[in-house]
Amino acid sequence: MTAPRCIHERPLSVGEVAERSGVTVSALHFYESKGLIQSQRNAGNQRRYRRDVLRRVAIIKVAQRLGVPLADIGTALDSLPSDHLPTAADWQRLSAQWRNDLDARIRQLTRLRDQLTGCIGCGCLSMQDCPLRNPQDTLGQQGTGARLLEVD
């Protein structure tokens, strides 16, 4: 018979991780299916998570609130150490990777917000004139037909 583990070393059940992280069990299963977190199975085939999964789930939640795509979150989590908890330095490195994208999205949303105010009520939404859909008729210069425009 093996000695009981210290409570701080004991793996967590999916319910315990859900309760402590504020994430639903189904979200944890989803994160696991996407490779963002990992579990082991016990003798009864139940999922058990190492305690460092709580830090990983916290990083996932923050990144999602920033609008970081799951694929980018996965890439970032892959760069974290697997043998210990992510540190403040690890978080600084991850957040720096996402900062430029977040800044670009903030600029884009600010510009959209500022342009939207001028267009509410005009009703034009003209593909030739509307600054929201086609600034300076740049699409017309590319020829006829449907065009995709993302202004940075």
N, C-alpha and C. Protein backbone atom coordinates (compact mmCIF):
# COMPACT_ATOMS: atom_id res chain seq x y z
N MET A 1 0.85 -1.18 0.00
CA MET A 1 0.00 0.00 0.00
C MET A 1 0.89 1.24 0.00
N THR A 2 0.54 2.23 -0.84
CA THR A 2 1.35 3.44 -0.93
C THR A 2 0.87 4.45 0.09
N ALA A 3 1.77 5.31 0.49
CA ALA A 3 1.43 6.35 1.47
C ALA A 3 0.53 7.38 0.81
N PRO A 4 -0.41 7.93 1.56
CA PRO A 4 -1.29 8.96 0.97
C PRO A 4 -0.49 10.20 0.59
N ARG A 5 -0.87 10.81 -0.49
CA ARG A 5 -0.20 12.02 -0.96
C ARG A 5 -0.61 13.21 -0.11
N CYS A 6 0.28 14.16 -0.06
CA CYS A 6 -0.05 15.44 0.57
C CYS A 6 -1.21 16.05 -0.22
N ILE A 7 -2.10 16.74 0.48
CA ILE A 7 -3.27 17.32 -0.20
C ILE A 7 -2.85 18.26 -1.33
N HIS A 8 -1.67 18.88 -1.22
CA HIS A 8 -1.22 19.81 -2.26
C HIS A 8 -0.68 19.07 -3.49
N GLU A 9 -0.46 17.78 -3.38
CA GLU A 9 0.02 16.99 -4.50
C GLU A 9 -1.08 16.17 -5.14
N ARG A 10 -2.20 16.02 -4.42
CA ARG A 10 -3.29 15.18 -4.90
C ARG A 10 -3.89 15.78 -6.17
N PRO A 11 -4.03 14.95 -7.22
CA PRO A 11 -4.66 15.46 -8.45
C PRO A 11 -6.11 15.86 -8.18
N LEU A 12 -6.60 16.75 -9.01
CA LEU A 12 -7.96 17.28 -8.86
C LEU A 12 -8.92 16.58 -9.83
N SER A 13 -10.14 16.38 -9.38
CA SER A 13 -11.18 15.85 -10.27
C SER A 13 -11.64 16.98 -11.19
N VAL A 14 -12.35 16.63 -12.22
CA VAL A 14 -12.86 17.63 -13.16
C VAL A 14 -13.82 18.57 -12.44
N GLY A 15 -14.61 18.06 -11.51
CA GLY A 15 -15.52 18.91 -10.74
C GLY A 15 -14.78 19.89 -9.86
N GLU A 16 -13.68 19.44 -9.25
CA GLU A 16 -12.88 20.33 -8.41
C GLU A 16 -12.24 21.43 -9.24
N VAL A 17 -11.73 21.08 -10.41
CA VAL A 17 -11.13 22.09 -11.28
C VAL A 17 -12.21 23.08 -11.72
N ALA A 18 -13.38 22.59 -12.08
CA ALA A 18 -14.47 23.47 -12.50
C ALA A 18 -14.85 24.43 -11.38
N GLU A 19 -14.99 23.91 -10.18
CA GLU A 19 -15.39 24.75 -9.05
C GLU A 19 -14.33 25.80 -8.74
N ARG A 20 -13.08 25.40 -8.71
CA ARG A 20 -12.01 26.32 -8.33
C ARG A 20 -11.68 27.33 -9.43
N SER A 21 -11.90 26.96 -10.69
CA SER A 21 -11.54 27.86 -11.80
C SER A 21 -12.71 28.71 -12.28
N GLY A 22 -13.93 28.33 -11.93
CA GLY A 22 -15.09 29.05 -12.42
C GLY A 22 -15.44 28.72 -13.86
N VAL A 23 -14.95 27.60 -14.34
CA VAL A 23 -15.20 27.14 -15.71
C VAL A 23 -16.06 25.89 -15.63
N THR A 24 -16.98 25.73 -16.55
CA THR A 24 -17.84 24.56 -16.52
C THR A 24 -17.07 23.29 -16.86
N VAL A 25 -17.63 22.17 -16.44
CA VAL A 25 -17.02 20.88 -16.76
C VAL A 25 -16.95 20.70 -18.28
N SER A 26 -18.00 21.09 -18.97
CA SER A 26 -18.00 20.93 -20.43
C SER A 26 -16.92 21.80 -21.08
N ALA A 27 -16.66 22.98 -20.52
CA ALA A 27 -15.58 23.83 -21.05
C ALA A 27 -14.23 23.16 -20.82
N LEU A 28 -14.04 22.54 -19.66
CA LEU A 28 -12.80 21.83 -19.40
C LEU A 28 -12.60 20.69 -20.38
N HIS A 29 -13.68 19.94 -20.65
CA HIS A 29 -13.59 18.86 -21.63
C HIS A 29 -13.25 19.42 -23.01
N PHE A 30 -13.84 20.56 -23.36
CA PHE A 30 -13.56 21.20 -24.64
C PHE A 30 -12.09 21.63 -24.71
N TYR A 31 -11.59 22.29 -23.65
CA TYR A 31 -10.19 22.69 -23.63
C TYR A 31 -9.27 21.48 -23.80
N GLU A 32 -9.66 20.39 -23.15
CA GLU A 32 -8.84 19.19 -23.26
C GLU A 32 -8.87 18.63 -24.68
N SER A 33 -10.05 18.66 -25.30
CA SER A 33 -10.17 18.14 -26.67
C SER A 33 -9.34 18.97 -27.65
N LYS A 34 -9.13 20.25 -27.32
CA LYS A 34 -8.32 21.13 -28.16
C LYS A 34 -6.85 21.10 -27.79
N GLY A 35 -6.48 20.30 -26.79
CA GLY A 35 -5.09 20.18 -26.39
C GLY A 35 -4.58 21.31 -25.52
N LEU A 36 -5.49 22.13 -24.98
CA LEU A 36 -5.07 23.26 -24.15
C LEU A 36 -4.70 22.83 -22.73
N ILE A 37 -5.36 21.79 -22.24
CA ILE A 37 -5.04 21.23 -20.93
C ILE A 37 -4.98 19.72 -21.07
N GLN A 38 -4.43 19.06 -20.06
CA GLN A 38 -4.31 17.61 -20.09
C GLN A 38 -4.77 17.02 -18.77
N SER A 39 -5.28 15.81 -18.85
CA SER A 39 -5.63 15.06 -17.64
C SER A 39 -5.04 13.66 -17.77
N GLN A 40 -5.04 12.99 -16.65
CA GLN A 40 -4.70 11.57 -16.63
C GLN A 40 -5.95 10.84 -16.16
N ARG A 41 -6.01 9.56 -16.43
CA ARG A 41 -7.14 8.76 -15.96
C ARG A 41 -6.69 7.95 -14.75
N ASN A 42 -7.58 7.87 -13.75
CA ASN A 42 -7.27 7.04 -12.59
C ASN A 42 -7.73 5.61 -12.86
N ALA A 43 -7.61 4.74 -11.86
CA ALA A 43 -7.98 3.32 -12.03
C ALA A 43 -9.45 3.16 -12.39
N GLY A 44 -10.29 4.10 -11.96
CA GLY A 44 -11.71 4.05 -12.29
C GLY A 44 -12.04 4.77 -13.59
N ASN A 45 -11.02 5.12 -14.38
CA ASN A 45 -11.15 5.80 -15.67
C ASN A 45 -11.74 7.21 -15.54
N GLN A 46 -11.56 7.83 -14.39
CA GLN A 46 -12.02 9.20 -14.18
C GLN A 46 -10.85 10.16 -14.45
N ARG A 47 -11.19 11.32 -15.00
CA ARG A 47 -10.17 12.33 -15.28
C ARG A 47 -9.60 12.88 -13.97
N ARG A 48 -8.30 13.08 -13.95
CA ARG A 48 -7.62 13.72 -12.84
C ARG A 48 -6.63 14.72 -13.43
N TYR A 49 -6.62 15.92 -12.84
CA TYR A 49 -5.78 17.00 -13.34
C TYR A 49 -4.72 17.37 -12.31
N ARG A 50 -3.52 17.63 -12.81
CA ARG A 50 -2.49 18.19 -11.93
C ARG A 50 -2.93 19.60 -11.54
N ARG A 51 -2.45 20.06 -10.43
CA ARG A 51 -2.89 21.35 -9.90
C ARG A 51 -2.46 22.54 -10.78
N ASP A 52 -1.41 22.37 -11.56
CA ASP A 52 -0.99 23.47 -12.43
C ASP A 52 -2.02 23.77 -13.52
N VAL A 53 -3.00 22.88 -13.70
CA VAL A 53 -4.04 23.13 -14.70
C VAL A 53 -4.86 24.36 -14.32
N LEU A 54 -4.94 24.67 -13.03
CA LEU A 54 -5.69 25.85 -12.60
C LEU A 54 -5.06 27.12 -13.17
N ARG A 55 -3.74 27.19 -13.17
CA ARG A 55 -3.05 28.36 -13.74
C ARG A 55 -3.27 28.39 -15.25
N ARG A 56 -3.21 27.25 -15.90
CA ARG A 56 -3.43 27.21 -17.35
C ARG A 56 -4.85 27.65 -17.70
N VAL A 57 -5.82 27.21 -16.92
CA VAL A 57 -7.21 27.62 -17.18
C VAL A 57 -7.35 29.13 -16.97
N ALA A 58 -6.69 29.67 -15.96
CA ALA A 58 -6.73 31.12 -15.75
C ALA A 58 -6.15 31.86 -16.95
N ILE A 59 -5.06 31.36 -17.51
CA ILE A 59 -4.46 31.98 -18.70
C ILE A 59 -5.43 31.89 -19.88
N ILE A 60 -6.07 30.75 -20.05
CA ILE A 60 -7.04 30.58 -21.14
C ILE A 60 -8.17 31.60 -20.99
N LYS A 61 -8.69 31.74 -19.78
CA LYS A 61 -9.81 32.66 -19.55
C LYS A 61 -9.41 34.10 -19.87
N VAL A 62 -8.23 34.53 -19.42
CA VAL A 62 -7.78 35.88 -19.69
C VAL A 62 -7.60 36.07 -21.20
N ALA A 63 -6.95 35.13 -21.84
CA ALA A 63 -6.71 35.23 -23.29
C ALA A 63 -8.02 35.29 -24.06
N GLN A 64 -9.01 34.49 -23.65
CA GLN A 64 -10.30 34.53 -24.34
C GLN A 64 -10.97 35.89 -24.16
N ARG A 65 -10.86 36.47 -22.97
CA ARG A 65 -11.45 37.79 -22.75
C ARG A 65 -10.78 38.84 -23.62
N LEU A 66 -9.51 38.62 -23.96
CA LEU A 66 -8.79 39.53 -24.86
C LEU A 66 -9.16 39.29 -26.32
N GLY A 67 -9.86 38.19 -26.58
CA GLY A 67 -10.22 37.86 -27.96
C GLY A 67 -9.16 37.07 -28.69
N VAL A 68 -8.23 36.46 -27.95
CA VAL A 68 -7.17 35.67 -28.59
C VAL A 68 -7.79 34.37 -29.09
N PRO A 69 -7.59 34.01 -30.35
CA PRO A 69 -8.13 32.76 -30.89
C PRO A 69 -7.57 31.54 -30.15
N LEU A 70 -8.37 30.50 -30.04
CA LEU A 70 -7.94 29.29 -29.32
C LEU A 70 -6.66 28.70 -29.89
N ALA A 71 -6.49 28.76 -31.19
CA ALA A 71 -5.25 28.23 -31.79
C ALA A 71 -4.03 28.98 -31.26
N ASP A 72 -4.14 30.31 -31.12
CA ASP A 72 -3.03 31.10 -30.59
C ASP A 72 -2.82 30.81 -29.11
N ILE A 73 -3.90 30.59 -28.39
CA ILE A 73 -3.79 30.23 -26.98
C ILE A 73 -3.05 28.90 -26.86
N GLY A 74 -3.41 27.95 -27.71
CA GLY A 74 -2.75 26.64 -27.70
C GLY A 74 -1.27 26.75 -27.99
N THR A 75 -0.90 27.55 -28.96
CA THR A 75 0.52 27.75 -29.29
C THR A 75 1.25 28.35 -28.09
N ALA A 76 0.63 29.32 -27.46
CA ALA A 76 1.26 29.95 -26.29
C ALA A 76 1.40 28.96 -25.14
N LEU A 77 0.37 28.17 -24.89
CA LEU A 77 0.43 27.20 -23.79
C LEU A 77 1.47 26.12 -24.08
N ASP A 78 1.66 25.79 -25.34
CA ASP A 78 2.69 24.79 -25.71
C ASP A 78 4.09 25.27 -25.33
N SER A 79 4.26 26.58 -25.24
CA SER A 79 5.58 27.12 -24.92
C SER A 79 5.85 27.16 -23.41
N LEU A 80 4.83 26.85 -22.61
CA LEU A 80 5.00 26.88 -21.16
C LEU A 80 5.69 25.61 -20.67
N PRO A 81 6.36 25.70 -19.53
CA PRO A 81 7.01 24.51 -18.97
C PRO A 81 5.97 23.48 -18.54
N SER A 82 6.28 22.23 -18.74
CA SER A 82 5.34 21.17 -18.34
C SER A 82 5.67 20.60 -16.98
N ASP A 83 6.83 20.98 -16.43
CA ASP A 83 7.24 20.38 -15.16
C ASP A 83 7.00 21.27 -13.95
N HIS A 84 6.47 22.48 -14.15
CA HIS A 84 6.14 23.34 -13.02
C HIS A 84 5.11 24.39 -13.43
N LEU A 85 4.59 25.08 -12.43
CA LEU A 85 3.59 26.11 -12.70
C LEU A 85 4.18 27.22 -13.56
N PRO A 86 3.38 27.78 -14.47
CA PRO A 86 3.85 28.95 -15.20
C PRO A 86 4.13 30.09 -14.22
N THR A 87 5.17 30.82 -14.47
CA THR A 87 5.59 31.90 -13.58
C THR A 87 5.12 33.25 -14.11
N ALA A 88 5.38 34.29 -13.32
CA ALA A 88 5.07 35.65 -13.76
C ALA A 88 5.86 35.99 -15.04
N ALA A 89 7.08 35.51 -15.12
CA ALA A 89 7.90 35.75 -16.32
C ALA A 89 7.29 35.05 -17.54
N ASP A 90 6.78 33.83 -17.33
CA ASP A 90 6.10 33.12 -18.42
C ASP A 90 4.90 33.94 -18.90
N TRP A 91 4.12 34.47 -17.94
CA TRP A 91 2.93 35.25 -18.30
C TRP A 91 3.33 36.52 -19.05
N GLN A 92 4.39 37.19 -18.62
CA GLN A 92 4.85 38.39 -19.31
C GLN A 92 5.22 38.09 -20.75
N ARG A 93 5.87 36.98 -20.96
CA ARG A 93 6.25 36.58 -22.33
C ARG A 93 5.01 36.33 -23.17
N LEU A 94 4.02 35.61 -22.61
CA LEU A 94 2.79 35.33 -23.36
C LEU A 94 2.02 36.61 -23.66
N SER A 95 1.87 37.45 -22.66
CA SER A 95 1.09 38.67 -22.86
C SER A 95 1.74 39.60 -23.87
N ALA A 96 3.06 39.61 -23.92
CA ALA A 96 3.75 40.44 -24.91
C ALA A 96 3.44 39.96 -26.33
N GLN A 97 3.30 38.65 -26.50
CA GLN A 97 2.97 38.10 -27.82
C GLN A 97 1.60 38.58 -28.28
N TRP A 98 0.68 38.75 -27.35
CA TRP A 98 -0.70 39.12 -27.71
C TRP A 98 -0.93 40.61 -27.74
N ARG A 99 -0.02 41.38 -27.20
CA ARG A 99 -0.21 42.82 -27.06
C ARG A 99 -0.38 43.52 -28.41
N ASN A 100 0.47 43.25 -29.38
CA ASN A 100 0.39 43.93 -30.67
C ASN A 100 -0.95 43.65 -31.36
N ASP A 101 -1.39 42.41 -31.32
CA ASP A 101 -2.68 42.07 -31.93
C ASP A 101 -3.81 42.80 -31.22
N LEU A 102 -3.76 42.83 -29.91
CA LEU A 102 -4.79 43.53 -29.15
C LEU A 102 -4.78 45.02 -29.45
N ASP A 103 -3.61 45.62 -29.53
CA ASP A 103 -3.52 47.04 -29.87
C ASP A 103 -4.11 47.33 -31.25
N ALA A 104 -3.84 46.45 -32.22
CA ALA A 104 -4.39 46.63 -33.57
C ALA A 104 -5.91 46.52 -33.56
N ARG A 105 -6.43 45.57 -32.80
CA ARG A 105 -7.89 45.43 -32.73
C ARG A 105 -8.52 46.62 -32.03
N ILE A 106 -7.86 47.16 -31.01
CA ILE A 106 -8.37 48.35 -30.33
C ILE A 106 -8.43 49.52 -31.29
N ARG A 107 -7.36 49.72 -32.08
CA ARG A 107 -7.35 50.80 -33.07
C ARG A 107 -8.48 50.62 -34.08
N GLN A 108 -8.66 49.39 -34.55
CA GLN A 108 -9.70 49.12 -35.54
C GLN A 108 -11.09 49.38 -34.96
N LEU A 109 -11.33 48.91 -33.75
CA LEU A 109 -12.64 49.12 -33.12
C LEU A 109 -12.88 50.59 -32.80
N THR A 110 -11.85 51.31 -32.40
CA THR A 110 -11.99 52.74 -32.12
C THR A 110 -12.36 53.48 -33.40
N ARG A 111 -11.66 53.16 -34.48
CA ARG A 111 -11.96 53.79 -35.77
C ARG A 111 -13.39 53.46 -36.21
N LEU A 112 -13.80 52.22 -36.06
CA LEU A 112 -15.17 51.83 -36.41
C LEU A 112 -16.18 52.59 -35.57
N ARG A 113 -15.93 52.67 -34.26
CA ARG A 113 -16.84 53.40 -33.37
C ARG A 113 -16.96 54.85 -33.81
N ASP A 114 -15.82 55.48 -34.11
CA ASP A 114 -15.83 56.89 -34.49
C ASP A 114 -16.54 57.10 -35.82
N GLN A 115 -16.40 56.20 -36.76
CA GLN A 115 -17.06 56.33 -38.05
C GLN A 115 -18.54 55.99 -37.94
N LEU A 116 -18.88 55.08 -37.07
CA LEU A 116 -20.27 54.66 -36.92
C LEU A 116 -21.15 55.82 -36.47
N THR A 117 -20.64 56.65 -35.61
CA THR A 117 -21.41 57.79 -35.12
C THR A 117 -21.86 58.69 -36.26
N GLY A 118 -21.00 58.91 -37.23
CA GLY A 118 -21.35 59.76 -38.36
C GLY A 118 -22.33 59.12 -39.32
N CYS A 119 -22.45 57.83 -39.31
CA CYS A 119 -23.31 57.14 -40.27
C CYS A 119 -24.68 56.79 -39.71
N ILE A 120 -24.83 56.75 -38.43
CA ILE A 120 -26.13 56.37 -37.89
C ILE A 120 -27.18 57.36 -38.38
N GLY A 121 -28.23 56.85 -38.97
CA GLY A 121 -29.33 57.69 -39.42
C GLY A 121 -29.23 58.14 -40.86
N CYS A 122 -28.05 58.08 -41.45
CA CYS A 122 -27.97 58.56 -42.83
C CYS A 122 -28.64 57.56 -43.77
N GLY A 123 -28.53 56.29 -43.46
CA GLY A 123 -29.19 55.27 -44.25
C GLY A 123 -28.56 54.97 -45.58
N CYS A 124 -27.45 55.62 -45.92
CA CYS A 124 -26.90 55.43 -47.25
C CYS A 124 -26.27 54.05 -47.42
N LEU A 125 -25.33 53.72 -46.57
CA LEU A 125 -24.56 52.49 -46.71
C LEU A 125 -24.19 52.22 -48.17
N SER A 126 -23.93 53.31 -48.87
CA SER A 126 -23.57 53.22 -50.28
C SER A 126 -22.20 52.58 -50.42
N MET A 127 -22.08 51.64 -51.30
CA MET A 127 -20.80 51.01 -51.55
C MET A 127 -19.82 51.99 -52.19
N GLN A 128 -20.33 53.08 -52.76
CA GLN A 128 -19.45 54.07 -53.35
C GLN A 128 -18.99 55.12 -52.33
N ASP A 129 -19.87 55.48 -51.40
CA ASP A 129 -19.59 56.63 -50.54
C ASP A 129 -19.39 56.31 -49.06
N CYS A 130 -19.94 55.25 -48.57
CA CYS A 130 -19.95 55.00 -47.13
C CYS A 130 -18.53 54.75 -46.59
N PRO A 131 -18.09 55.54 -45.61
CA PRO A 131 -16.75 55.35 -45.06
C PRO A 131 -16.61 54.06 -44.25
N LEU A 132 -17.71 53.46 -43.84
CA LEU A 132 -17.63 52.20 -43.10
C LEU A 132 -17.41 51.01 -44.03
N ARG A 133 -18.05 51.02 -45.17
CA ARG A 133 -18.01 49.90 -46.08
C ARG A 133 -16.93 50.01 -47.15
N ASN A 134 -16.63 51.25 -47.56
CA ASN A 134 -15.75 51.42 -48.70
C ASN A 134 -15.05 52.79 -48.65
N PRO A 135 -14.11 52.96 -47.72
CA PRO A 135 -13.44 54.27 -47.60
C PRO A 135 -12.80 54.71 -48.91
N GLN A 136 -13.07 55.94 -49.32
CA GLN A 136 -12.52 56.54 -50.55
C GLN A 136 -12.72 55.66 -51.78
N ASP A 137 -13.77 54.85 -51.79
CA ASP A 137 -14.10 53.98 -52.92
C ASP A 137 -12.90 53.15 -53.37
N THR A 138 -12.12 52.65 -52.42
CA THR A 138 -10.94 51.87 -52.77
C THR A 138 -11.31 50.55 -53.45
N LEU A 139 -12.47 50.03 -53.16
CA LEU A 139 -12.87 48.78 -53.81
C LEU A 139 -13.19 48.98 -55.28
N GLY A 140 -13.73 50.15 -55.62
CA GLY A 140 -14.05 50.43 -57.01
C GLY A 140 -12.81 50.43 -57.90
N GLN A 141 -11.67 50.77 -57.31
CA GLN A 141 -10.43 50.79 -58.07
C GLN A 141 -9.96 49.38 -58.42
N GLN A 142 -10.47 48.38 -57.70
CA GLN A 142 -10.06 47.00 -57.94
C GLN A 142 -10.94 46.30 -58.98
N GLY A 143 -11.96 46.99 -59.47
CA GLY A 143 -12.83 46.40 -60.48
C GLY A 143 -14.20 46.07 -59.90
N THR A 144 -15.01 45.43 -60.73
CA THR A 144 -16.37 45.11 -60.30
C THR A 144 -16.41 43.79 -59.54
N GLY A 145 -17.55 43.55 -58.87
CA GLY A 145 -17.73 42.30 -58.14
C GLY A 145 -17.49 42.47 -56.64
N ALA A 146 -17.75 41.41 -55.93
CA ALA A 146 -17.63 41.46 -54.47
C ALA A 146 -16.16 41.58 -54.06
N ARG A 147 -15.91 42.37 -53.04
CA ARG A 147 -14.57 42.59 -52.51
C ARG A 147 -14.61 42.48 -50.99
N LEU A 148 -13.52 42.03 -50.43
CA LEU A 148 -13.39 41.97 -48.98
C LEU A 148 -12.43 43.06 -48.56
N LEU A 149 -12.83 43.87 -47.60
CA LEU A 149 -11.99 44.97 -47.16
C LEU A 149 -11.89 44.94 -45.65
N GLU A 150 -10.66 44.86 -45.16
CA GLU A 150 -10.39 45.01 -43.73
C GLU A 150 -9.43 46.16 -43.60
N VAL A 151 -9.86 47.20 -42.96
CA VAL A 151 -9.03 48.37 -42.77
C VAL A 151 -8.27 48.22 -41.47
N ASP A 152 -6.95 48.32 -41.52
CA ASP A 152 -6.13 48.25 -40.29
C ASP A 152 -5.87 49.61 -39.72
